[in-house]
Amino acid sequence: MKKEQQIEQLRSRSEKVYANGQLLDYKLYGDKSIKRYYWKHEYNTDPYNQVQNFLYKQALLGLKIYKPDEVKELTPKERYKIISLQHKAVREMNVLKQEKIIKSTNNILALFTKSSLAKQIINDTHVDPKLFDNFSFNDLDIKKDQVVNRLHKAKILPDNFYEIKCS
């Protein structure tokens, strides 16, 4: 009876719990002589607040961050603005990914010092903004700070993005 009441209290709780970070991994620790084990959580804390994260996600994901009924409440002008912002962000991220790939491949091609073809490829650093890149940020070792800086420089995120406070 007591356990059921506690479960019901937890279910009816109104406040929500938010994790301000990304759970990296679990590690099992403990003293084997005592036979106690516990999980140690390591978090990658995010330096950005909720408003900044919302603007970041809105730029990268567009209308996908809204529920269908919230999208219906938006005016056509607001929807168009969000969609066009997302398209700009996607193009900018594809350019960032291509630059990262070019840099990595140039490091490998630099090993072939006698090859004229390798030298031509290294000198050609042209990026195509229309080319869609399927690599993830993790695959290319691109951090969130790099993405935010790039979106801020491209004026996709607001000028005062770093000064925005969560109210």
N, C-alpha and C. Protein backbone atom coordinates (compact mmCIF):
# COMPACT_ATOMS: atom_id res chain seq x y z
N MET A 1 0.82 -1.19 0.00
CA MET A 1 0.00 0.00 0.00
C MET A 1 0.87 1.26 0.00
N LYS A 2 1.88 1.26 0.86
CA LYS A 2 2.75 2.44 0.97
C LYS A 2 3.52 2.68 -0.33
N LYS A 3 4.00 1.60 -0.94
CA LYS A 3 4.75 1.71 -2.19
C LYS A 3 3.86 2.22 -3.32
N GLU A 4 2.62 1.77 -3.37
CA GLU A 4 1.68 2.22 -4.40
C GLU A 4 1.40 3.71 -4.27
N GLN A 5 1.30 4.19 -3.02
CA GLN A 5 1.08 5.62 -2.80
C GLN A 5 2.27 6.45 -3.27
N GLN A 6 3.47 5.94 -3.01
CA GLN A 6 4.68 6.65 -3.45
C GLN A 6 4.75 6.70 -4.98
N ILE A 7 4.39 5.61 -5.61
CA ILE A 7 4.40 5.57 -7.08
C ILE A 7 3.38 6.55 -7.63
N GLU A 8 2.21 6.60 -7.02
CA GLU A 8 1.18 7.52 -7.47
C GLU A 8 1.60 8.98 -7.26
N GLN A 9 2.29 9.27 -6.17
CA GLN A 9 2.80 10.62 -5.93
C GLN A 9 3.80 11.02 -7.00
N LEU A 10 4.67 10.11 -7.38
CA LEU A 10 5.65 10.40 -8.42
C LEU A 10 4.98 10.65 -9.77
N ARG A 11 3.95 9.88 -10.07
CA ARG A 11 3.25 10.06 -11.34
C ARG A 11 2.49 11.37 -11.40
N SER A 12 1.94 11.80 -10.29
CA SER A 12 1.12 13.01 -10.29
C SER A 12 1.93 14.28 -10.07
N ARG A 13 3.24 14.15 -9.94
CA ARG A 13 4.09 15.32 -9.75
C ARG A 13 3.99 16.26 -10.94
N SER A 14 3.91 17.55 -10.69
CA SER A 14 3.73 18.50 -11.78
C SER A 14 5.06 19.01 -12.34
N GLU A 15 6.09 19.09 -11.52
CA GLU A 15 7.35 19.63 -12.03
C GLU A 15 8.07 18.61 -12.90
N LYS A 16 8.86 19.11 -13.82
CA LYS A 16 9.59 18.25 -14.75
C LYS A 16 11.07 18.30 -14.39
N VAL A 17 11.77 17.28 -14.74
CA VAL A 17 13.20 17.22 -14.49
C VAL A 17 13.91 17.30 -15.84
N TYR A 18 14.84 18.25 -15.96
CA TYR A 18 15.60 18.42 -17.20
C TYR A 18 17.07 18.14 -16.92
N ALA A 19 17.70 17.43 -17.83
CA ALA A 19 19.14 17.21 -17.74
C ALA A 19 19.80 18.27 -18.59
N ASN A 20 20.74 19.00 -18.00
CA ASN A 20 21.44 20.05 -18.74
C ASN A 20 22.76 19.49 -19.24
N GLY A 21 22.70 18.55 -20.14
CA GLY A 21 23.92 17.97 -20.67
C GLY A 21 23.63 16.66 -21.36
N GLN A 22 24.66 16.01 -21.78
CA GLN A 22 24.52 14.77 -22.52
C GLN A 22 25.25 13.69 -21.74
N LEU A 23 24.55 12.60 -21.47
CA LEU A 23 25.14 11.51 -20.71
C LEU A 23 26.18 10.82 -21.58
N LEU A 24 27.41 10.88 -21.16
CA LEU A 24 28.48 10.30 -21.97
C LEU A 24 28.59 8.79 -21.79
N ASP A 25 28.76 8.36 -20.56
CA ASP A 25 28.87 6.92 -20.37
C ASP A 25 28.63 6.55 -18.91
N TYR A 26 28.40 5.29 -18.70
CA TYR A 26 28.27 4.76 -17.35
C TYR A 26 29.52 3.97 -17.03
N LYS A 27 29.95 4.10 -15.81
CA LYS A 27 31.09 3.29 -15.38
C LYS A 27 30.72 2.62 -14.06
N LEU A 28 31.06 1.39 -13.95
CA LEU A 28 30.76 0.63 -12.76
C LEU A 28 31.93 0.73 -11.79
N TYR A 29 31.65 1.29 -10.61
CA TYR A 29 32.67 1.43 -9.58
C TYR A 29 32.21 0.68 -8.33
N GLY A 30 33.12 0.42 -7.46
CA GLY A 30 32.73 -0.17 -6.19
C GLY A 30 33.88 -0.88 -5.51
N ASP A 31 33.70 -1.08 -4.23
CA ASP A 31 34.68 -1.79 -3.43
C ASP A 31 34.25 -3.25 -3.37
N LYS A 32 35.04 -4.13 -3.95
CA LYS A 32 34.64 -5.53 -4.05
C LYS A 32 34.60 -6.21 -2.69
N SER A 33 35.35 -5.69 -1.71
CA SER A 33 35.31 -6.31 -0.39
C SER A 33 33.98 -6.03 0.30
N ILE A 34 33.38 -4.89 0.04
CA ILE A 34 32.10 -4.54 0.64
C ILE A 34 30.95 -5.05 -0.23
N LYS A 35 31.23 -5.35 -1.48
CA LYS A 35 30.24 -5.81 -2.46
C LYS A 35 29.19 -4.73 -2.74
N ARG A 36 29.58 -3.47 -2.69
CA ARG A 36 28.68 -2.38 -3.07
C ARG A 36 29.14 -1.81 -4.40
N TYR A 37 28.21 -1.65 -5.27
CA TYR A 37 28.51 -1.08 -6.57
C TYR A 37 27.58 0.10 -6.81
N TYR A 38 28.06 1.06 -7.50
CA TYR A 38 27.20 2.19 -7.86
C TYR A 38 27.62 2.68 -9.23
N TRP A 39 26.71 3.37 -9.89
CA TRP A 39 26.97 3.90 -11.22
C TRP A 39 27.46 5.33 -11.10
N LYS A 40 28.54 5.64 -11.78
CA LYS A 40 29.04 7.01 -11.82
C LYS A 40 28.63 7.61 -13.15
N HIS A 41 27.97 8.74 -13.11
CA HIS A 41 27.52 9.42 -14.32
C HIS A 41 28.50 10.53 -14.66
N GLU A 42 28.89 10.57 -15.92
CA GLU A 42 29.73 11.67 -16.40
C GLU A 42 28.92 12.43 -17.43
N TYR A 43 28.77 13.72 -17.22
CA TYR A 43 27.95 14.54 -18.11
C TYR A 43 28.83 15.50 -18.90
N ASN A 44 28.45 15.69 -20.14
CA ASN A 44 29.06 16.71 -20.96
C ASN A 44 28.15 17.93 -20.85
N THR A 45 28.47 18.83 -19.96
CA THR A 45 27.58 19.96 -19.71
C THR A 45 27.63 20.94 -20.86
N ASP A 46 26.50 21.52 -21.10
CA ASP A 46 26.32 22.43 -22.22
C ASP A 46 26.40 23.87 -21.69
N PRO A 47 27.26 24.72 -22.26
CA PRO A 47 27.38 26.09 -21.75
C PRO A 47 26.22 27.00 -22.15
N TYR A 48 25.30 26.49 -22.96
CA TYR A 48 24.21 27.31 -23.46
C TYR A 48 22.94 27.09 -22.63
N ASN A 49 22.16 28.15 -22.47
CA ASN A 49 20.92 28.02 -21.71
C ASN A 49 19.80 27.51 -22.61
N GLN A 50 18.58 27.40 -22.05
CA GLN A 50 17.47 26.81 -22.78
C GLN A 50 17.05 27.64 -23.99
N VAL A 51 17.09 28.95 -23.87
CA VAL A 51 16.71 29.82 -24.99
C VAL A 51 17.72 29.68 -26.12
N GLN A 52 19.00 29.69 -25.78
CA GLN A 52 20.04 29.53 -26.80
C GLN A 52 19.93 28.16 -27.47
N ASN A 53 19.69 27.11 -26.69
CA ASN A 53 19.52 25.78 -27.27
C ASN A 53 18.29 25.71 -28.17
N PHE A 54 17.22 26.41 -27.80
CA PHE A 54 16.02 26.44 -28.63
C PHE A 54 16.33 27.10 -29.97
N LEU A 55 17.03 28.24 -29.96
CA LEU A 55 17.38 28.92 -31.20
C LEU A 55 18.29 28.06 -32.07
N TYR A 56 19.22 27.38 -31.43
CA TYR A 56 20.15 26.47 -32.13
C TYR A 56 19.38 25.34 -32.80
N LYS A 57 18.48 24.70 -32.05
CA LYS A 57 17.70 23.59 -32.60
C LYS A 57 16.74 24.08 -33.68
N GLN A 58 16.18 25.27 -33.47
CA GLN A 58 15.26 25.82 -34.47
C GLN A 58 15.99 26.06 -35.79
N ALA A 59 17.23 26.53 -35.70
CA ALA A 59 18.00 26.78 -36.92
C ALA A 59 18.33 25.47 -37.64
N LEU A 60 18.69 24.44 -36.89
CA LEU A 60 19.10 23.18 -37.52
C LEU A 60 17.92 22.28 -37.90
N LEU A 61 16.86 22.27 -37.09
CA LEU A 61 15.77 21.34 -37.31
C LEU A 61 14.52 21.97 -37.91
N GLY A 62 14.39 23.28 -37.82
CA GLY A 62 13.24 23.96 -38.40
C GLY A 62 11.95 23.66 -37.67
N LEU A 63 10.92 23.35 -38.42
CA LEU A 63 9.60 23.11 -37.84
C LEU A 63 9.49 21.77 -37.12
N LYS A 64 10.49 20.92 -37.24
CA LYS A 64 10.45 19.60 -36.59
C LYS A 64 10.47 19.70 -35.07
N ILE A 65 10.91 20.84 -34.53
CA ILE A 65 10.96 20.95 -33.07
C ILE A 65 9.60 21.29 -32.48
N TYR A 66 8.65 21.65 -33.32
CA TYR A 66 7.32 22.00 -32.86
C TYR A 66 6.37 20.81 -32.98
N LYS A 67 5.37 20.78 -32.12
CA LYS A 67 4.31 19.79 -32.24
C LYS A 67 3.40 20.22 -33.39
N PRO A 68 2.66 19.27 -33.99
CA PRO A 68 1.80 19.62 -35.13
C PRO A 68 0.78 20.72 -34.83
N ASP A 69 0.21 20.72 -33.63
CA ASP A 69 -0.75 21.76 -33.30
C ASP A 69 -0.08 23.12 -33.12
N GLU A 70 1.20 23.12 -32.68
CA GLU A 70 1.93 24.38 -32.57
C GLU A 70 2.27 24.95 -33.95
N VAL A 71 2.54 24.06 -34.90
CA VAL A 71 2.85 24.50 -36.26
C VAL A 71 1.61 25.15 -36.89
N LYS A 72 0.44 24.59 -36.60
CA LYS A 72 -0.80 25.16 -37.13
C LYS A 72 -1.06 26.55 -36.57
N GLU A 73 -0.61 26.81 -35.35
CA GLU A 73 -0.83 28.12 -34.73
C GLU A 73 0.10 29.19 -35.30
N LEU A 74 1.21 28.78 -35.90
CA LEU A 74 2.14 29.74 -36.48
C LEU A 74 1.53 30.38 -37.73
N THR A 75 1.84 31.65 -37.93
CA THR A 75 1.38 32.32 -39.14
C THR A 75 2.22 31.84 -40.32
N PRO A 76 1.71 31.95 -41.54
CA PRO A 76 2.51 31.54 -42.70
C PRO A 76 3.85 32.27 -42.79
N LYS A 77 3.85 33.53 -42.39
CA LYS A 77 5.10 34.30 -42.42
C LYS A 77 6.13 33.73 -41.44
N GLU A 78 5.67 33.34 -40.24
CA GLU A 78 6.57 32.74 -39.25
C GLU A 78 7.09 31.40 -39.74
N ARG A 79 6.21 30.60 -40.34
CA ARG A 79 6.63 29.30 -40.88
C ARG A 79 7.68 29.48 -41.98
N TYR A 80 7.43 30.42 -42.87
CA TYR A 80 8.37 30.68 -43.96
C TYR A 80 9.72 31.13 -43.41
N LYS A 81 9.70 31.98 -42.39
CA LYS A 81 10.94 32.48 -41.80
C LYS A 81 11.74 31.33 -41.18
N ILE A 82 11.06 30.44 -40.46
CA ILE A 82 11.73 29.30 -39.82
C ILE A 82 12.30 28.35 -40.87
N ILE A 83 11.51 28.08 -41.92
CA ILE A 83 11.96 27.15 -42.97
C ILE A 83 13.15 27.73 -43.73
N SER A 84 13.10 29.02 -44.06
CA SER A 84 14.21 29.62 -44.80
C SER A 84 15.47 29.67 -43.93
N LEU A 85 15.29 29.91 -42.64
CA LEU A 85 16.43 29.91 -41.71
C LEU A 85 17.06 28.53 -41.64
N GLN A 86 16.21 27.50 -41.62
CA GLN A 86 16.72 26.13 -41.58
C GLN A 86 17.48 25.80 -42.86
N HIS A 87 16.97 26.22 -44.02
CA HIS A 87 17.67 25.95 -45.28
C HIS A 87 19.04 26.61 -45.30
N LYS A 88 19.12 27.84 -44.81
CA LYS A 88 20.42 28.52 -44.73
C LYS A 88 21.37 27.78 -43.80
N ALA A 89 20.84 27.33 -42.68
CA ALA A 89 21.68 26.61 -41.71
C ALA A 89 22.18 25.29 -42.29
N VAL A 90 21.31 24.57 -42.99
CA VAL A 90 21.71 23.29 -43.58
C VAL A 90 22.80 23.51 -44.62
N ARG A 91 22.65 24.53 -45.46
CA ARG A 91 23.70 24.83 -46.45
C ARG A 91 25.02 25.17 -45.77
N GLU A 92 24.94 25.97 -44.72
CA GLU A 92 26.15 26.36 -44.00
C GLU A 92 26.81 25.15 -43.33
N MET A 93 26.01 24.24 -42.79
CA MET A 93 26.57 23.04 -42.15
C MET A 93 27.18 22.11 -43.18
N ASN A 94 26.59 22.03 -44.37
CA ASN A 94 27.19 21.21 -45.43
C ASN A 94 28.53 21.77 -45.86
N VAL A 95 28.64 23.10 -45.92
CA VAL A 95 29.92 23.73 -46.26
C VAL A 95 30.94 23.43 -45.17
N LEU A 96 30.52 23.53 -43.90
CA LEU A 96 31.42 23.24 -42.78
C LEU A 96 31.91 21.79 -42.85
N LYS A 97 31.00 20.86 -43.14
CA LYS A 97 31.37 19.45 -43.24
C LYS A 97 32.33 19.22 -44.40
N GLN A 98 32.07 19.85 -45.54
CA GLN A 98 32.96 19.69 -46.69
C GLN A 98 34.34 20.23 -46.39
N GLU A 99 34.41 21.38 -45.71
CA GLU A 99 35.72 21.95 -45.35
C GLU A 99 36.48 21.00 -44.43
N LYS A 100 35.77 20.38 -43.50
CA LYS A 100 36.40 19.44 -42.58
C LYS A 100 36.91 18.21 -43.34
N ILE A 101 36.12 17.72 -44.29
CA ILE A 101 36.52 16.55 -45.09
C ILE A 101 37.73 16.90 -45.96
N ILE A 102 37.70 18.08 -46.59
CA ILE A 102 38.82 18.51 -47.43
C ILE A 102 40.10 18.61 -46.61
N LYS A 103 39.98 19.16 -45.41
CA LYS A 103 41.16 19.29 -44.54
C LYS A 103 41.72 17.91 -44.19
N SER A 104 40.84 16.97 -43.87
CA SER A 104 41.29 15.62 -43.51
C SER A 104 41.93 14.91 -44.70
N THR A 105 41.30 15.00 -45.86
CA THR A 105 41.86 14.32 -47.03
C THR A 105 43.16 14.97 -47.48
N ASN A 106 43.27 16.28 -47.32
CA ASN A 106 44.52 16.95 -47.69
C ASN A 106 45.67 16.51 -46.80
N ASN A 107 45.39 16.25 -45.53
CA ASN A 107 46.43 15.73 -44.63
C ASN A 107 46.92 14.36 -45.09
N ILE A 108 46.00 13.56 -45.58
CA ILE A 108 46.39 12.23 -46.07
C ILE A 108 47.14 12.35 -47.40
N LEU A 109 46.62 13.19 -48.31
CA LEU A 109 47.26 13.34 -49.62
C LEU A 109 48.63 14.02 -49.53
N ALA A 110 48.87 14.76 -48.47
CA ALA A 110 50.16 15.41 -48.30
C ALA A 110 51.29 14.39 -48.13
N LEU A 111 50.95 13.17 -47.81
CA LEU A 111 51.97 12.12 -47.68
C LEU A 111 52.56 11.73 -49.03
N PHE A 112 51.78 11.96 -50.10
CA PHE A 112 52.25 11.62 -51.44
C PHE A 112 52.89 12.86 -52.07
N THR A 113 54.12 13.12 -51.71
CA THR A 113 54.80 14.36 -52.11
C THR A 113 55.18 14.39 -53.58
N LYS A 114 55.37 13.24 -54.21
CA LYS A 114 55.81 13.21 -55.60
C LYS A 114 54.66 13.18 -56.60
N SER A 115 53.46 12.99 -56.14
CA SER A 115 52.31 12.85 -57.03
C SER A 115 51.78 14.23 -57.44
N SER A 116 51.71 14.43 -58.74
CA SER A 116 51.16 15.71 -59.23
C SER A 116 49.65 15.75 -59.04
N LEU A 117 48.99 14.60 -59.15
CA LEU A 117 47.55 14.54 -58.93
C LEU A 117 47.20 14.92 -57.49
N ALA A 118 47.97 14.40 -56.54
CA ALA A 118 47.73 14.73 -55.14
C ALA A 118 47.91 16.23 -54.90
N LYS A 119 48.91 16.82 -55.54
CA LYS A 119 49.14 18.26 -55.38
C LYS A 119 47.98 19.06 -55.96
N GLN A 120 47.43 18.63 -57.09
CA GLN A 120 46.28 19.32 -57.69
C GLN A 120 45.05 19.23 -56.78
N ILE A 121 44.83 18.06 -56.20
CA ILE A 121 43.68 17.88 -55.32
C ILE A 121 43.84 18.72 -54.06
N ILE A 122 45.06 18.80 -53.53
CA ILE A 122 45.31 19.61 -52.33
C ILE A 122 45.07 21.09 -52.62
N ASN A 123 45.47 21.54 -53.80
CA ASN A 123 45.30 22.96 -54.14
C ASN A 123 43.85 23.32 -54.43
N ASP A 124 43.04 22.35 -54.82
CA ASP A 124 41.63 22.62 -55.11
C ASP A 124 40.81 22.47 -53.83
N THR A 125 40.47 23.59 -53.22
CA THR A 125 39.68 23.56 -51.98
C THR A 125 38.28 24.12 -52.20
N HIS A 126 37.79 23.98 -53.43
CA HIS A 126 36.45 24.49 -53.76
C HIS A 126 35.38 23.68 -53.02
N VAL A 127 34.40 24.40 -52.46
CA VAL A 127 33.30 23.76 -51.74
C VAL A 127 32.00 24.05 -52.49
N ASP A 128 31.17 23.06 -52.63
CA ASP A 128 29.88 23.23 -53.31
C ASP A 128 28.77 23.34 -52.27
N PRO A 129 28.16 24.53 -52.12
CA PRO A 129 27.12 24.69 -51.09
C PRO A 129 25.84 23.91 -51.38
N LYS A 130 25.65 23.47 -52.63
CA LYS A 130 24.44 22.72 -52.97
C LYS A 130 24.59 21.22 -52.70
N LEU A 131 25.83 20.78 -52.49
CA LEU A 131 26.08 19.36 -52.25
C LEU A 131 25.63 18.99 -50.84
N PHE A 132 24.82 17.95 -50.73
CA PHE A 132 24.32 17.51 -49.43
C PHE A 132 25.28 16.48 -48.86
N ASP A 133 25.66 16.67 -47.60
CA ASP A 133 26.63 15.80 -46.95
C ASP A 133 25.92 14.94 -45.92
N ASN A 134 26.08 13.62 -46.00
CA ASN A 134 25.39 12.70 -45.10
C ASN A 134 26.15 12.39 -43.83
N PHE A 135 27.36 12.86 -43.69
CA PHE A 135 28.13 12.58 -42.48
C PHE A 135 27.54 13.32 -41.29
N SER A 136 27.61 12.70 -40.13
CA SER A 136 27.13 13.37 -38.92
C SER A 136 28.25 14.21 -38.32
N PHE A 137 27.89 15.07 -37.39
CA PHE A 137 28.89 15.90 -36.72
C PHE A 137 29.86 15.02 -35.93
N ASN A 138 29.35 13.94 -35.34
CA ASN A 138 30.22 13.04 -34.58
C ASN A 138 31.22 12.34 -35.49
N ASP A 139 30.78 11.95 -36.67
CA ASP A 139 31.69 11.28 -37.61
C ASP A 139 32.86 12.17 -37.98
N LEU A 140 32.58 13.46 -38.13
CA LEU A 140 33.61 14.40 -38.56
C LEU A 140 34.27 15.12 -37.38
N ASP A 141 33.90 14.74 -36.17
CA ASP A 141 34.46 15.33 -34.95
C ASP A 141 34.24 16.85 -34.92
N ILE A 142 33.01 17.25 -35.23
CA ILE A 142 32.63 18.66 -35.17
C ILE A 142 31.85 18.87 -33.89
N LYS A 143 32.31 19.79 -33.07
CA LYS A 143 31.69 20.06 -31.77
C LYS A 143 30.58 21.09 -31.90
N LYS A 144 29.73 21.13 -30.90
CA LYS A 144 28.59 22.06 -30.90
C LYS A 144 29.08 23.51 -30.93
N ASP A 145 30.18 23.80 -30.25
CA ASP A 145 30.71 25.17 -30.25
C ASP A 145 31.11 25.61 -31.66
N GLN A 146 31.69 24.69 -32.43
CA GLN A 146 32.06 25.01 -33.81
C GLN A 146 30.82 25.32 -34.65
N VAL A 147 29.78 24.54 -34.45
CA VAL A 147 28.54 24.73 -35.20
C VAL A 147 27.92 26.08 -34.82
N VAL A 148 27.86 26.36 -33.51
CA VAL A 148 27.27 27.62 -33.05
C VAL A 148 28.07 28.81 -33.58
N ASN A 149 29.39 28.74 -33.52
CA ASN A 149 30.22 29.83 -34.04
C ASN A 149 29.99 30.04 -35.53
N ARG A 150 29.88 28.96 -36.27
CA ARG A 150 29.67 29.06 -37.72
C ARG A 150 28.30 29.67 -38.03
N LEU A 151 27.26 29.23 -37.31
CA LEU A 151 25.92 29.78 -37.52
C LEU A 151 25.85 31.24 -37.10
N HIS A 152 26.60 31.60 -36.07
CA HIS A 152 26.63 32.99 -35.61
C HIS A 152 27.34 33.88 -36.63
N LYS A 153 28.46 33.40 -37.18
CA LYS A 153 29.19 34.18 -38.19
C LYS A 153 28.37 34.35 -39.46
N ALA A 154 27.56 33.34 -39.79
CA ALA A 154 26.73 33.40 -41.00
C ALA A 154 25.45 34.20 -40.75
N LYS A 155 25.30 34.73 -39.56
CA LYS A 155 24.14 35.54 -39.16
C LYS A 155 22.84 34.74 -39.21
N ILE A 156 22.94 33.45 -38.99
CA ILE A 156 21.76 32.61 -38.89
C ILE A 156 21.23 32.66 -37.46
N LEU A 157 22.15 32.67 -36.50
CA LEU A 157 21.78 32.92 -35.11
C LEU A 157 21.87 34.43 -34.87
N PRO A 158 21.09 34.96 -33.93
CA PRO A 158 21.08 36.41 -33.71
C PRO A 158 22.43 36.95 -33.25
N ASP A 159 22.65 38.24 -33.48
CA ASP A 159 23.91 38.88 -33.10
C ASP A 159 24.17 38.79 -31.60
N ASN A 160 23.11 38.87 -30.81
CA ASN A 160 23.27 38.84 -29.35
C ASN A 160 23.10 37.43 -28.78
N PHE A 161 23.39 36.42 -29.58
CA PHE A 161 23.17 35.03 -29.17
C PHE A 161 23.91 34.69 -27.87
N TYR A 162 25.14 35.13 -27.74
CA TYR A 162 25.94 34.79 -26.56
C TYR A 162 25.50 35.55 -25.31
N GLU A 163 24.77 36.65 -25.49
CA GLU A 163 24.32 37.46 -24.35
C GLU A 163 22.90 37.12 -23.91
N ILE A 164 22.23 36.24 -24.65
CA ILE A 164 20.83 35.90 -24.31
C ILE A 164 20.78 35.19 -22.97
N LYS A 165 19.90 35.69 -22.12
CA LYS A 165 19.71 35.09 -20.79
C LYS A 165 18.40 34.34 -20.76
N CYS A 166 18.35 33.31 -19.95
CA CYS A 166 17.12 32.55 -19.77
C CYS A 166 16.30 33.21 -18.67
N SER A 167 15.07 33.60 -19.01
CA SER A 167 14.27 34.30 -17.98
C SER A 167 13.18 33.43 -17.41
